[in-house]
């Protein structure tokens, strides 16, 4: 499946907005604690999956998911490293948003869920387009050589 970049860019903006919104005081007071606590990390990983899909529109979904999982886990485990120079970077807003600030095992679960949502969403959308496009089934399934 070749991914439409403009749609992925739009999805990334929506997911980023939702992720930032999940970290606000409003979210902490109006959303269930479970969601306000874990949504940001889950949406961060979904954004990473979408960014990879945008950057590599012809890549297989499984390849993107495994790459996103590896990168997100690497970022999380890098938080165990506390050299002064990287702590300074993490104290900035961009550093905190991109690199996080402290290692949590629960973040690994959130990342896995966010990336799985992206992978599953792609598969669902691909299936949906094939089966509900209005074309007869023979037009959507390639013929054997």
N, C-alpha and C. Protein backbone atom coordinates (compact mmCIF):
# COMPACT_ATOMS: atom_id res chain seq x y z
N UNK A 1 0.84 -1.19 0.00
CA UNK A 1 0.00 0.00 0.00
C UNK A 1 0.88 1.24 0.00
N UNK A 2 0.65 2.12 -0.93
CA UNK A 2 1.36 3.39 -0.95
C UNK A 2 0.53 4.39 -0.15
N UNK A 3 1.17 4.99 0.84
CA UNK A 3 0.45 5.90 1.75
C UNK A 3 0.35 7.30 1.15
N UNK A 4 -0.82 7.91 1.22
CA UNK A 4 -0.95 9.30 0.77
C UNK A 4 -0.34 10.24 1.81
N UNK A 5 0.71 10.93 1.43
CA UNK A 5 1.45 11.76 2.39
C UNK A 5 0.61 12.86 3.00
N UNK A 6 -0.22 13.49 2.21
CA UNK A 6 -1.02 14.59 2.76
C UNK A 6 -1.97 14.09 3.85
N UNK A 7 -2.50 12.89 3.70
CA UNK A 7 -3.37 12.34 4.74
C UNK A 7 -2.58 12.01 6.00
N UNK A 8 -1.38 11.49 5.82
CA UNK A 8 -0.55 11.18 6.98
C UNK A 8 -0.12 12.45 7.70
N UNK A 9 0.18 13.50 6.94
CA UNK A 9 0.53 14.78 7.57
C UNK A 9 -0.65 15.31 8.38
N UNK A 10 -1.84 15.23 7.82
CA UNK A 10 -3.03 15.68 8.55
C UNK A 10 -3.29 14.84 9.79
N UNK A 11 -3.15 13.53 9.66
CA UNK A 11 -3.33 12.65 10.82
C UNK A 11 -2.31 12.96 11.91
N UNK A 12 -1.06 13.20 11.49
CA UNK A 12 -0.03 13.53 12.49
C UNK A 12 -0.40 14.80 13.25
N UNK A 13 -0.88 15.81 12.55
CA UNK A 13 -1.26 17.05 13.23
C UNK A 13 -2.39 16.81 14.23
N UNK A 14 -3.37 16.01 13.84
CA UNK A 14 -4.48 15.70 14.75
C UNK A 14 -4.00 14.92 15.98
N UNK A 15 -3.13 13.95 15.75
CA UNK A 15 -2.65 13.12 16.86
C UNK A 15 -1.75 13.94 17.78
N UNK A 16 -0.92 14.81 17.20
CA UNK A 16 -0.07 15.68 18.03
C UNK A 16 -0.95 16.59 18.89
N UNK A 17 -1.98 17.18 18.27
CA UNK A 17 -2.88 18.06 19.04
C UNK A 17 -3.56 17.29 20.16
N UNK A 18 -4.01 16.08 19.87
CA UNK A 18 -4.66 15.26 20.91
C UNK A 18 -3.66 14.90 22.01
N UNK A 19 -2.43 14.58 21.62
CA UNK A 19 -1.41 14.23 22.61
C UNK A 19 -1.06 15.39 23.51
N UNK A 20 -0.89 16.57 22.91
CA UNK A 20 -0.61 17.76 23.73
C UNK A 20 -1.81 18.09 24.61
N UNK A 21 -3.01 17.95 24.04
CA UNK A 21 -4.21 18.21 24.82
C UNK A 21 -4.37 17.26 26.00
N UNK A 22 -3.86 16.05 25.84
CA UNK A 22 -3.98 15.07 26.93
C UNK A 22 -3.09 15.41 28.12
N UNK A 23 -2.18 16.35 27.93
CA UNK A 23 -1.26 16.75 29.00
C UNK A 23 -1.68 18.04 29.70
N UNK A 24 -2.83 18.57 29.34
CA UNK A 24 -3.27 19.84 29.93
C UNK A 24 -4.01 19.62 31.25
N UNK A 25 -4.17 20.69 31.98
CA UNK A 25 -4.94 20.64 33.22
C UNK A 25 -6.39 20.26 32.97
N UNK A 26 -6.94 20.74 31.84
CA UNK A 26 -8.32 20.40 31.50
C UNK A 26 -8.47 18.89 31.38
N UNK A 27 -7.53 18.24 30.69
CA UNK A 27 -7.61 16.79 30.50
C UNK A 27 -7.51 16.07 31.84
N UNK A 28 -6.64 16.56 32.72
CA UNK A 28 -6.49 15.90 34.02
C UNK A 28 -7.75 16.01 34.88
N UNK A 29 -8.53 17.06 34.67
CA UNK A 29 -9.75 17.22 35.48
C UNK A 29 -11.00 16.67 34.81
N UNK A 30 -11.01 16.55 33.48
CA UNK A 30 -12.23 16.14 32.77
C UNK A 30 -12.18 14.74 32.17
N UNK A 31 -11.01 14.17 32.05
CA UNK A 31 -10.90 12.83 31.48
C UNK A 31 -10.62 11.82 32.59
N UNK A 32 -10.97 10.57 32.36
CA UNK A 32 -10.61 9.55 33.36
C UNK A 32 -9.10 9.54 33.58
N UNK A 33 -8.69 9.27 34.81
CA UNK A 33 -7.27 9.30 35.16
C UNK A 33 -6.44 8.39 34.27
N UNK A 34 -6.96 7.21 33.96
CA UNK A 34 -6.23 6.26 33.12
C UNK A 34 -5.89 6.88 31.77
N UNK A 35 -6.86 7.57 31.17
CA UNK A 35 -6.64 8.18 29.86
C UNK A 35 -5.68 9.35 29.96
N UNK A 36 -5.89 10.24 30.93
CA UNK A 36 -5.01 11.40 31.04
C UNK A 36 -3.58 10.99 31.39
N UNK A 37 -3.42 9.86 32.05
CA UNK A 37 -2.08 9.41 32.43
C UNK A 37 -1.34 8.75 31.27
N UNK A 38 -2.03 7.99 30.43
CA UNK A 38 -1.34 7.18 29.42
C UNK A 38 -1.57 7.62 27.97
N UNK A 39 -2.52 8.50 27.72
CA UNK A 39 -2.83 8.88 26.34
C UNK A 39 -1.65 9.56 25.65
N UNK A 40 -0.96 10.44 26.35
CA UNK A 40 0.14 11.18 25.73
C UNK A 40 1.22 10.27 25.18
N UNK A 41 1.66 9.29 25.96
CA UNK A 41 2.70 8.38 25.50
C UNK A 41 2.21 7.48 24.38
N UNK A 42 0.96 7.06 24.46
CA UNK A 42 0.38 6.22 23.41
C UNK A 42 0.30 7.00 22.10
N UNK A 43 -0.15 8.24 22.18
CA UNK A 43 -0.26 9.07 20.98
C UNK A 43 1.10 9.49 20.45
N UNK A 44 2.10 9.63 21.32
CA UNK A 44 3.47 9.93 20.88
C UNK A 44 3.97 8.81 19.97
N UNK A 45 3.74 7.56 20.38
CA UNK A 45 4.18 6.42 19.57
C UNK A 45 3.39 6.32 18.27
N UNK A 46 2.10 6.62 18.33
CA UNK A 46 1.29 6.63 17.11
C UNK A 46 1.80 7.69 16.15
N UNK A 47 2.19 8.85 16.67
CA UNK A 47 2.76 9.90 15.83
C UNK A 47 4.05 9.42 15.17
N UNK A 48 4.88 8.71 15.92
CA UNK A 48 6.11 8.18 15.35
C UNK A 48 5.80 7.21 14.22
N UNK A 49 4.84 6.33 14.41
CA UNK A 49 4.43 5.41 13.35
C UNK A 49 3.95 6.18 12.11
N UNK A 50 3.12 7.19 12.32
CA UNK A 50 2.62 7.99 11.20
C UNK A 50 3.74 8.76 10.51
N UNK A 51 4.69 9.28 11.28
CA UNK A 51 5.82 10.01 10.70
C UNK A 51 6.65 9.08 9.82
N UNK A 52 6.86 7.87 10.27
CA UNK A 52 7.60 6.91 9.45
C UNK A 52 6.81 6.56 8.19
N UNK A 53 5.49 6.42 8.32
CA UNK A 53 4.64 6.18 7.15
C UNK A 53 4.68 7.33 6.17
N UNK A 54 4.76 8.55 6.68
CA UNK A 54 4.87 9.72 5.82
C UNK A 54 6.23 9.74 5.12
N UNK A 55 7.29 9.43 5.86
CA UNK A 55 8.64 9.48 5.31
C UNK A 55 8.91 8.34 4.33
N UNK A 56 8.29 7.20 4.55
CA UNK A 56 8.51 6.02 3.71
C UNK A 56 7.16 5.48 3.24
N UNK A 57 6.54 6.17 2.29
CA UNK A 57 5.16 5.83 1.92
C UNK A 57 4.99 4.45 1.29
N UNK A 58 6.05 3.85 0.76
CA UNK A 58 5.91 2.54 0.12
C UNK A 58 6.32 1.40 1.05
N UNK A 59 6.76 1.69 2.26
CA UNK A 59 7.22 0.64 3.18
C UNK A 59 6.05 -0.21 3.67
N UNK A 60 6.34 -1.45 3.99
CA UNK A 60 5.32 -2.34 4.54
C UNK A 60 4.94 -1.87 5.94
N UNK A 61 3.68 -2.04 6.30
CA UNK A 61 3.20 -1.62 7.61
C UNK A 61 3.92 -2.31 8.75
N UNK A 62 4.20 -3.60 8.58
CA UNK A 62 4.90 -4.33 9.63
C UNK A 62 6.31 -3.79 9.83
N UNK A 63 6.97 -3.43 8.73
CA UNK A 63 8.32 -2.84 8.82
C UNK A 63 8.26 -1.52 9.57
N UNK A 64 7.27 -0.71 9.25
CA UNK A 64 7.12 0.57 9.95
C UNK A 64 6.85 0.35 11.44
N UNK A 65 5.99 -0.60 11.74
CA UNK A 65 5.64 -0.86 13.15
C UNK A 65 6.86 -1.32 13.93
N UNK A 66 7.63 -2.23 13.37
CA UNK A 66 8.82 -2.72 14.07
C UNK A 66 9.87 -1.63 14.22
N UNK A 67 10.02 -0.79 13.19
CA UNK A 67 10.97 0.32 13.27
C UNK A 67 10.53 1.32 14.33
N UNK A 68 9.25 1.67 14.33
CA UNK A 68 8.73 2.61 15.33
C UNK A 68 8.88 2.04 16.73
N UNK A 69 8.63 0.75 16.88
CA UNK A 69 8.78 0.11 18.19
C UNK A 69 10.24 0.17 18.65
N UNK A 70 11.17 -0.14 17.75
CA UNK A 70 12.59 -0.08 18.10
C UNK A 70 13.03 1.33 18.47
N UNK A 71 12.60 2.32 17.69
CA UNK A 71 12.97 3.71 17.98
C UNK A 71 12.37 4.19 19.30
N UNK A 72 11.10 3.88 19.52
CA UNK A 72 10.46 4.35 20.75
C UNK A 72 11.06 3.68 21.98
N UNK A 73 11.37 2.40 21.88
CA UNK A 73 12.03 1.72 23.00
C UNK A 73 13.42 2.28 23.23
N UNK A 74 14.14 2.60 22.14
CA UNK A 74 15.48 3.19 22.29
C UNK A 74 15.40 4.54 23.00
N UNK A 75 14.41 5.35 22.64
CA UNK A 75 14.24 6.65 23.31
C UNK A 75 13.95 6.43 24.79
N UNK A 76 13.09 5.47 25.10
CA UNK A 76 12.74 5.23 26.50
C UNK A 76 13.95 4.72 27.29
N UNK A 77 14.68 3.77 26.74
CA UNK A 77 15.85 3.25 27.45
C UNK A 77 16.96 4.30 27.55
N UNK A 78 17.00 5.24 26.59
CA UNK A 78 18.01 6.30 26.66
C UNK A 78 17.78 7.20 27.88
N UNK A 79 16.57 7.17 28.42
CA UNK A 79 16.27 7.99 29.59
C UNK A 79 16.96 7.48 30.85
N UNK A 80 17.51 6.29 30.78
CA UNK A 80 18.31 5.77 31.89
C UNK A 80 19.68 6.46 31.93
N UNK A 81 20.09 7.02 30.79
CA UNK A 81 21.37 7.73 30.69
C UNK A 81 21.15 9.17 31.15
N UNK A 82 21.87 9.60 32.15
CA UNK A 82 21.62 10.90 32.77
C UNK A 82 22.84 11.82 32.75
N UNK A 83 23.57 11.85 31.64
CA UNK A 83 24.70 12.78 31.54
C UNK A 83 24.17 14.21 31.55
N UNK A 84 24.94 15.15 32.10
CA UNK A 84 24.46 16.54 32.20
C UNK A 84 24.01 17.14 30.87
N UNK A 85 24.72 16.86 29.79
CA UNK A 85 24.38 17.46 28.50
C UNK A 85 23.00 17.00 28.01
N UNK A 86 22.67 15.73 28.20
CA UNK A 86 21.37 15.26 27.71
C UNK A 86 20.25 15.64 28.67
N UNK A 87 20.58 15.77 29.95
CA UNK A 87 19.58 16.24 30.92
C UNK A 87 19.19 17.68 30.56
N UNK A 88 20.19 18.49 30.15
CA UNK A 88 19.89 19.88 29.74
C UNK A 88 18.95 19.90 28.54
N UNK A 89 19.18 19.00 27.58
CA UNK A 89 18.31 18.93 26.41
C UNK A 89 16.90 18.52 26.82
N UNK A 90 16.81 17.54 27.72
CA UNK A 90 15.50 17.06 28.17
C UNK A 90 14.74 18.09 28.99
N UNK A 91 15.43 19.08 29.52
CA UNK A 91 14.76 20.12 30.30
C UNK A 91 14.10 21.17 29.42
N UNK A 92 14.41 21.17 28.12
CA UNK A 92 13.73 22.08 27.20
C UNK A 92 12.41 21.45 26.76
N UNK A 93 11.48 22.28 26.29
CA UNK A 93 10.18 21.74 25.85
C UNK A 93 10.35 20.76 24.69
N UNK A 94 11.10 21.12 23.62
CA UNK A 94 11.27 20.13 22.54
C UNK A 94 11.96 18.85 23.02
N UNK A 95 12.95 19.00 23.88
CA UNK A 95 13.64 17.82 24.40
C UNK A 95 12.73 16.94 25.22
N UNK A 96 11.89 17.55 26.03
CA UNK A 96 10.95 16.78 26.86
C UNK A 96 9.91 16.08 25.98
N UNK A 97 9.43 16.77 24.94
CA UNK A 97 8.42 16.18 24.07
C UNK A 97 8.98 15.05 23.22
N UNK A 98 10.22 15.20 22.75
CA UNK A 98 10.80 14.20 21.86
C UNK A 98 11.53 13.08 22.60
N UNK A 99 12.22 13.42 23.68
CA UNK A 99 13.07 12.45 24.37
C UNK A 99 12.53 11.99 25.72
N UNK A 100 11.53 12.67 26.24
CA UNK A 100 11.02 12.33 27.56
C UNK A 100 11.98 12.76 28.65
N UNK A 101 11.66 12.40 29.88
CA UNK A 101 12.52 12.86 30.97
C UNK A 101 12.93 11.76 31.93
N UNK A 102 12.15 10.72 32.08
CA UNK A 102 12.48 9.66 33.02
C UNK A 102 11.95 8.32 32.55
N UNK A 103 12.70 7.28 32.80
CA UNK A 103 12.33 5.93 32.35
C UNK A 103 11.15 5.40 33.16
N UNK A 104 10.16 4.87 32.43
CA UNK A 104 9.02 4.19 33.05
C UNK A 104 8.69 2.94 32.23
N UNK A 105 8.56 1.82 32.89
CA UNK A 105 8.19 0.60 32.19
C UNK A 105 6.83 0.74 31.52
N UNK A 106 5.93 1.46 32.13
CA UNK A 106 4.58 1.60 31.56
C UNK A 106 4.62 2.32 30.21
N UNK A 107 5.63 3.16 29.99
CA UNK A 107 5.74 3.83 28.70
C UNK A 107 5.94 2.82 27.57
N UNK A 108 6.67 1.75 27.84
CA UNK A 108 6.90 0.72 26.82
C UNK A 108 5.57 0.08 26.40
N UNK A 109 4.68 -0.09 27.35
CA UNK A 109 3.35 -0.64 27.04
C UNK A 109 2.56 0.37 26.20
N UNK A 110 2.61 1.64 26.61
CA UNK A 110 1.91 2.69 25.85
C UNK A 110 2.42 2.77 24.42
N UNK A 111 3.73 2.70 24.25
CA UNK A 111 4.31 2.76 22.90
C UNK A 111 3.83 1.57 22.07
N UNK A 112 3.82 0.41 22.68
CA UNK A 112 3.37 -0.79 21.96
C UNK A 112 1.91 -0.65 21.53
N UNK A 113 1.08 -0.12 22.40
CA UNK A 113 -0.34 0.07 22.08
C UNK A 113 -0.51 1.11 20.98
N UNK A 114 0.19 2.24 21.08
CA UNK A 114 0.07 3.29 20.07
C UNK A 114 0.50 2.82 18.69
N UNK A 115 1.59 2.09 18.63
CA UNK A 115 2.08 1.58 17.34
C UNK A 115 1.14 0.50 16.81
N UNK A 116 0.64 -0.35 17.70
CA UNK A 116 -0.32 -1.37 17.27
C UNK A 116 -1.59 -0.72 16.71
N UNK A 117 -2.03 0.38 17.32
CA UNK A 117 -3.19 1.10 16.79
C UNK A 117 -2.92 1.61 15.38
N UNK A 118 -1.74 2.16 15.15
CA UNK A 118 -1.37 2.63 13.82
C UNK A 118 -1.33 1.50 12.81
N UNK A 119 -0.70 0.40 13.18
CA UNK A 119 -0.59 -0.76 12.29
C UNK A 119 -1.97 -1.32 11.98
N UNK A 120 -2.78 -1.50 13.03
CA UNK A 120 -4.12 -2.03 12.83
C UNK A 120 -4.98 -1.07 12.00
N UNK A 121 -4.86 0.23 12.28
CA UNK A 121 -5.62 1.22 11.53
C UNK A 121 -5.29 1.20 10.05
N UNK A 122 -4.02 1.04 9.72
CA UNK A 122 -3.63 0.93 8.31
C UNK A 122 -4.23 -0.30 7.67
N UNK A 123 -4.16 -1.41 8.36
CA UNK A 123 -4.70 -2.66 7.81
C UNK A 123 -6.22 -2.55 7.62
N UNK A 124 -6.90 -1.96 8.60
CA UNK A 124 -8.34 -1.79 8.49
C UNK A 124 -8.68 -0.89 7.31
N UNK A 125 -7.96 0.23 7.18
CA UNK A 125 -8.24 1.16 6.10
C UNK A 125 -7.98 0.52 4.74
N UNK A 126 -6.91 -0.23 4.62
CA UNK A 126 -6.60 -0.92 3.37
C UNK A 126 -7.70 -1.92 3.02
N UNK A 127 -8.13 -2.70 4.01
CA UNK A 127 -9.21 -3.66 3.79
C UNK A 127 -10.50 -2.93 3.41
N UNK A 128 -10.78 -1.86 4.14
CA UNK A 128 -12.00 -1.09 3.89
C UNK A 128 -12.01 -0.54 2.46
N UNK A 129 -10.91 -0.01 2.00
CA UNK A 129 -10.84 0.55 0.64
C UNK A 129 -11.01 -0.53 -0.41
N UNK A 130 -10.43 -1.70 -0.16
CA UNK A 130 -10.56 -2.80 -1.13
C UNK A 130 -11.98 -3.34 -1.19
N UNK A 131 -12.62 -3.48 -0.05
CA UNK A 131 -13.92 -4.14 0.00
C UNK A 131 -15.11 -3.20 -0.16
N UNK A 132 -14.93 -1.94 0.01
CA UNK A 132 -16.05 -1.01 -0.07
C UNK A 132 -15.83 0.08 -1.10
N UNK A 133 -14.98 -0.19 -2.07
CA UNK A 133 -14.68 0.83 -3.07
C UNK A 133 -15.75 0.93 -4.16
N UNK A 134 -16.70 0.00 -4.18
CA UNK A 134 -17.72 0.02 -5.21
C UNK A 134 -17.31 -0.75 -6.45
N UNK A 135 -16.08 -1.25 -6.47
CA UNK A 135 -15.61 -2.03 -7.61
C UNK A 135 -15.93 -3.50 -7.37
N UNK A 136 -16.12 -4.25 -8.44
CA UNK A 136 -16.34 -5.68 -8.25
C UNK A 136 -15.08 -6.33 -7.67
N UNK A 137 -15.23 -7.44 -6.94
CA UNK A 137 -14.07 -8.08 -6.32
C UNK A 137 -12.94 -8.38 -7.28
N UNK A 138 -13.24 -8.72 -8.52
CA UNK A 138 -12.18 -9.04 -9.48
C UNK A 138 -11.31 -7.82 -9.78
N UNK A 139 -11.84 -6.61 -9.58
CA UNK A 139 -11.07 -5.40 -9.86
C UNK A 139 -10.11 -5.07 -8.73
N UNK A 140 -10.32 -5.65 -7.56
CA UNK A 140 -9.46 -5.33 -6.42
C UNK A 140 -8.46 -6.42 -6.10
N UNK A 141 -8.66 -7.61 -6.66
CA UNK A 141 -7.74 -8.72 -6.39
C UNK A 141 -6.95 -9.00 -7.67
N UNK A 142 -5.61 -8.93 -7.60
CA UNK A 142 -4.84 -9.20 -8.81
C UNK A 142 -5.02 -10.65 -9.26
N UNK A 143 -5.05 -10.85 -10.58
CA UNK A 143 -5.21 -12.19 -11.12
C UNK A 143 -3.87 -12.91 -11.07
N UNK A 144 -3.93 -14.21 -10.86
CA UNK A 144 -2.71 -15.02 -10.82
C UNK A 144 -2.11 -15.07 -12.22
N UNK A 145 -0.78 -15.11 -12.33
CA UNK A 145 -0.15 -15.15 -13.67
C UNK A 145 -0.36 -16.48 -14.36
